[in-house]
């Protein structure tokens, strides 16, 4: 999980909510996040380094894998040319008009085919399963 999902999540969230994010920054963030997670995991697992920094191989790996791509993506985005706003409509929330954020046809669908009720159902199931199996 820490090797791939954490850098992907961090890069995805940053790209979805920050219009300045560039494709180059996303790629650099993903690659370096995965590599930094592998290096952290290797050091904490095989080298015998005893310190508070390397005491949690799983959580530490995920933290490093999410932090490194976030910082690197911001730095790389600031030194590369961003895409124009019109190319980001539908991908980045801040440049997408409000009328494009809703589906007018969805209101006519039954509840089990609509986004919000299904999202609430999934969230409820997730909470219940976490309580039951935690």
C-alpha atoms as a PDB file:
ATOM      1  CA  UNK A   1       0.000   0.000   0.000  1.00  0.00           C
ATOM      2  CA  UNK A   2       2.678   2.493   1.012  1.00  0.00           C
ATOM      3  CA  UNK A   3       4.738   2.012  -2.131  1.00  0.00           C
ATOM      4  CA  UNK A   4       2.059   2.811  -4.714  1.00  0.00           C
ATOM      5  CA  UNK A   5      -1.252   3.982  -3.242  1.00  0.00           C
ATOM      6  CA  UNK A   6       0.112   6.723  -0.985  1.00  0.00           C
ATOM      7  CA  UNK A   7       2.049   8.553  -3.750  1.00  0.00           C
ATOM      8  CA  UNK A   8      -0.847   8.067  -6.167  1.00  0.00           C
ATOM      9  CA  UNK A   9      -3.366   9.447  -3.673  1.00  0.00           C
ATOM     10  CA  UNK A  10      -1.211  12.478  -2.819  1.00  0.00           C
ATOM     11  CA  UNK A  11      -0.564  13.289  -6.489  1.00  0.00           C
ATOM     12  CA  UNK A  12      -4.206  12.757  -7.460  1.00  0.00           C
ATOM     13  CA  UNK A  13      -5.591  15.001  -4.718  1.00  0.00           C
ATOM     14  CA  UNK A  14      -3.065  17.738  -5.440  1.00  0.00           C
ATOM     15  CA  UNK A  15      -3.811  17.607  -9.171  1.00  0.00           C
ATOM     16  CA  UNK A  16      -7.564  17.600  -8.654  1.00  0.00           C
ATOM     17  CA  UNK A  17      -7.685  20.669  -6.420  1.00  0.00           C
ATOM     18  CA  UNK A  18      -4.684  22.754  -7.558  1.00  0.00           C
ATOM     19  CA  UNK A  19      -4.871  24.048 -11.116  1.00  0.00           C
ATOM     20  CA  UNK A  20      -1.156  24.946 -11.191  1.00  0.00           C
ATOM     21  CA  UNK A  21      -0.153  21.230 -11.063  1.00  0.00           C
ATOM     22  CA  UNK A  22       1.621  20.130 -14.248  1.00  0.00           C
ATOM     23  CA  UNK A  23       1.882  16.695 -15.878  1.00  0.00           C
ATOM     24  CA  UNK A  24       5.654  16.710 -15.352  1.00  0.00           C
ATOM     25  CA  UNK A  25       5.178  17.414 -11.657  1.00  0.00           C
ATOM     26  CA  UNK A  26       2.697  14.566 -11.381  1.00  0.00           C
ATOM     27  CA  UNK A  27       5.095  12.106 -12.991  1.00  0.00           C
ATOM     28  CA  UNK A  28       8.061  13.247 -10.891  1.00  0.00           C
ATOM     29  CA  UNK A  29       5.933  13.063  -7.742  1.00  0.00           C
ATOM     30  CA  UNK A  30       4.704   9.527  -8.477  1.00  0.00           C
ATOM     31  CA  UNK A  31       8.132   8.134  -9.349  1.00  0.00           C
ATOM     32  CA  UNK A  32      10.005   9.812  -6.519  1.00  0.00           C
ATOM     33  CA  UNK A  33       7.260   9.008  -4.001  1.00  0.00           C
ATOM     34  CA  UNK A  34       7.475   5.310  -4.878  1.00  0.00           C
ATOM     35  CA  UNK A  35      11.292   5.308  -4.848  1.00  0.00           C
ATOM     36  CA  UNK A  36      11.457   7.170  -1.529  1.00  0.00           C
ATOM     37  CA  UNK A  37       8.991   4.691   0.004  1.00  0.00           C
ATOM     38  CA  UNK A  38      11.134   1.767  -1.156  1.00  0.00           C
ATOM     39  CA  UNK A  39      14.289   3.377   0.247  1.00  0.00           C
ATOM     40  CA  UNK A  40      12.590   4.170   3.571  1.00  0.00           C
ATOM     41  CA  UNK A  41      11.188   0.629   3.843  1.00  0.00           C
ATOM     42  CA  UNK A  42      14.590  -0.903   3.032  1.00  0.00           C
ATOM     43  CA  UNK A  43      16.397   1.227   5.617  1.00  0.00           C
ATOM     44  CA  UNK A  44      13.797   0.586   8.325  1.00  0.00           C
ATOM     45  CA  UNK A  45      13.587  -3.157   7.637  1.00  0.00           C
ATOM     46  CA  UNK A  46      17.071  -4.366   6.716  1.00  0.00           C
ATOM     47  CA  UNK A  47      19.734  -1.987   7.968  1.00  0.00           C
ATOM     48  CA  UNK A  48      19.061  -2.220  11.690  1.00  0.00           C
ATOM     49  CA  UNK A  49      19.029   1.550  12.098  1.00  0.00           C
ATOM     50  CA  UNK A  50      17.515   2.238  15.507  1.00  0.00           C
ATOM     51  CA  UNK A  51      15.847   5.616  15.637  1.00  0.00           C
ATOM     52  CA  UNK A  52      12.417   7.121  16.086  1.00  0.00           C
ATOM     53  CA  UNK A  53      12.371   8.020  12.384  1.00  0.00           C
ATOM     54  CA  UNK A  54      12.648   4.408  11.215  1.00  0.00           C
ATOM     55  CA  UNK A  55      10.636   2.779  13.993  1.00  0.00           C
ATOM     56  CA  UNK A  56       7.368   2.352  12.027  1.00  0.00           C
ATOM     57  CA  UNK A  57       8.093   0.637   8.687  1.00  0.00           C
ATOM     58  CA  UNK A  58       4.467   0.515   7.488  1.00  0.00           C
ATOM     59  CA  UNK A  59       3.160   3.879   8.607  1.00  0.00           C
ATOM     60  CA  UNK A  60       6.473   5.595   8.012  1.00  0.00           C
ATOM     61  CA  UNK A  61       6.641   4.260   4.475  1.00  0.00           C
ATOM     62  CA  UNK A  62       3.145   5.555   3.713  1.00  0.00           C
ATOM     63  CA  UNK A  63       3.953   8.937   5.297  1.00  0.00           C
ATOM     64  CA  UNK A  64       7.150   9.310   3.259  1.00  0.00           C
ATOM     65  CA  UNK A  65       5.391   8.073   0.113  1.00  0.00           C
ATOM     66  CA  UNK A  66       2.707  10.760   0.493  1.00  0.00           C
ATOM     67  CA  UNK A  67       4.931  13.617   1.678  1.00  0.00           C
ATOM     68  CA  UNK A  68       7.695  13.360  -0.914  1.00  0.00           C
ATOM     69  CA  UNK A  69       5.418  13.544  -3.978  1.00  0.00           C
ATOM     70  CA  UNK A  70       3.435  16.405  -2.459  1.00  0.00           C
ATOM     71  CA  UNK A  71       6.517  18.534  -1.874  1.00  0.00           C
ATOM     72  CA  UNK A  72       8.230  17.588  -5.155  1.00  0.00           C
ATOM     73  CA  UNK A  73       5.056  18.119  -7.191  1.00  0.00           C
ATOM     74  CA  UNK A  74       4.671  21.614  -5.787  1.00  0.00           C
ATOM     75  CA  UNK A  75       8.317  22.480  -6.466  1.00  0.00           C
ATOM     76  CA  UNK A  76       8.296  21.052 -10.013  1.00  0.00           C
ATOM     77  CA  UNK A  77       4.944  22.740 -10.772  1.00  0.00           C
ATOM     78  CA  UNK A  78       6.382  26.099  -9.802  1.00  0.00           C
ATOM     79  CA  UNK A  79       9.227  25.776 -12.333  1.00  0.00           C
ATOM     80  CA  UNK A  80       7.232  24.260 -15.244  1.00  0.00           C
ATOM     81  CA  UNK A  81       4.571  25.800 -17.462  1.00  0.00           C
ATOM     82  CA  UNK A  82       1.008  24.961 -16.392  1.00  0.00           C
ATOM     83  CA  UNK A  83      -1.748  23.976 -18.809  1.00  0.00           C
ATOM     84  CA  UNK A  84      -4.198  26.755 -19.724  1.00  0.00           C
ATOM     85  CA  UNK A  85      -7.462  26.836 -17.751  1.00  0.00           C
ATOM     86  CA  UNK A  86      -9.642  25.823 -20.703  1.00  0.00           C
ATOM     87  CA  UNK A  87      -7.798  22.471 -20.924  1.00  0.00           C
ATOM     88  CA  UNK A  88      -8.462  21.755 -17.233  1.00  0.00           C
ATOM     89  CA  UNK A  89     -12.258  22.092 -17.279  1.00  0.00           C
ATOM     90  CA  UNK A  90     -13.749  18.860 -15.974  1.00  0.00           C
ATOM     91  CA  UNK A  91     -10.467  17.772 -14.374  1.00  0.00           C
ATOM     92  CA  UNK A  92      -9.783  20.513 -11.803  1.00  0.00           C
ATOM     93  CA  UNK A  93     -12.634  21.628  -9.565  1.00  0.00           C
ATOM     94  CA  UNK A  94     -11.667  25.316  -9.368  1.00  0.00           C
ATOM     95  CA  UNK A  95     -11.889  25.884 -13.149  1.00  0.00           C
ATOM     96  CA  UNK A  96     -14.979  23.753 -13.803  1.00  0.00           C
ATOM     97  CA  UNK A  97     -18.238  25.765 -13.965  1.00  0.00           C
ATOM     98  CA  UNK A  98     -20.843  24.799 -11.379  1.00  0.00           C
ATOM     99  CA  UNK A  99     -23.334  23.757 -14.046  1.00  0.00           C
ATOM    100  CA  UNK A 100     -20.815  21.133 -15.236  1.00  0.00           C
ATOM    101  CA  UNK A 101     -20.529  19.636 -11.741  1.00  0.00           C
ATOM    102  CA  UNK A 102     -24.054  18.190 -11.730  1.00  0.00           C
ATOM    103  CA  UNK A 103     -25.829  15.814 -14.089  1.00  0.00           C
ATOM    104  CA  UNK A 104     -29.358  16.988 -14.911  1.00  0.00           C
ATOM    105  CA  UNK A 105     -30.340  13.492 -16.071  1.00  0.00           C
ATOM    106  CA  UNK A 106     -29.336  11.917 -12.752  1.00  0.00           C
ATOM    107  CA  UNK A 107     -32.389  13.269 -10.915  1.00  0.00           C
ATOM    108  CA  UNK A 108     -34.674  11.051 -13.027  1.00  0.00           C
ATOM    109  CA  UNK A 109     -32.759   7.872 -12.151  1.00  0.00           C
ATOM    110  CA  UNK A 110     -33.771   5.536  -9.311  1.00  0.00           C
ATOM    111  CA  UNK A 111     -31.859   5.990  -6.014  1.00  0.00           C
ATOM    112  CA  UNK A 112     -29.576   2.993  -6.643  1.00  0.00           C
ATOM    113  CA  UNK A 113     -28.224   4.610  -9.824  1.00  0.00           C
ATOM    114  CA  UNK A 114     -27.560   8.085  -8.395  1.00  0.00           C
ATOM    115  CA  UNK A 115     -24.196   9.275  -7.128  1.00  0.00           C
ATOM    116  CA  UNK A 116     -25.040  10.753  -3.711  1.00  0.00           C
ATOM    117  CA  UNK A 117     -27.206   7.901  -2.355  1.00  0.00           C
ATOM    118  CA  UNK A 118     -24.638   5.336  -3.501  1.00  0.00           C
ATOM    119  CA  UNK A 119     -21.841   7.367  -1.921  1.00  0.00           C
ATOM    120  CA  UNK A 120     -23.727   7.554   1.376  1.00  0.00           C
ATOM    121  CA  UNK A 121     -24.412   3.813   1.229  1.00  0.00           C
ATOM    122  CA  UNK A 122     -20.727   3.022   0.581  1.00  0.00           C
ATOM    123  CA  UNK A 123     -19.581   5.334   3.380  1.00  0.00           C
ATOM    124  CA  UNK A 124     -22.072   3.750   5.785  1.00  0.00           C
ATOM    125  CA  UNK A 125     -20.937   0.243   4.822  1.00  0.00           C
ATOM    126  CA  UNK A 126     -17.304   1.286   5.284  1.00  0.00           C
ATOM    127  CA  UNK A 127     -17.953   2.665   8.754  1.00  0.00           C
ATOM    128  CA  UNK A 128     -19.948  -0.402   9.820  1.00  0.00           C
ATOM    129  CA  UNK A 129     -17.280  -2.812   8.520  1.00  0.00           C
ATOM    130  CA  UNK A 130     -14.535  -0.831  10.259  1.00  0.00           C
ATOM    131  CA  UNK A 131     -16.433  -1.010  13.544  1.00  0.00           C
ATOM    132  CA  UNK A 132     -17.186  -4.721  13.175  1.00  0.00           C
ATOM    133  CA  UNK A 133     -13.707  -5.821  12.109  1.00  0.00           C
ATOM    134  CA  UNK A 134     -11.523  -3.289  13.922  1.00  0.00           C
END
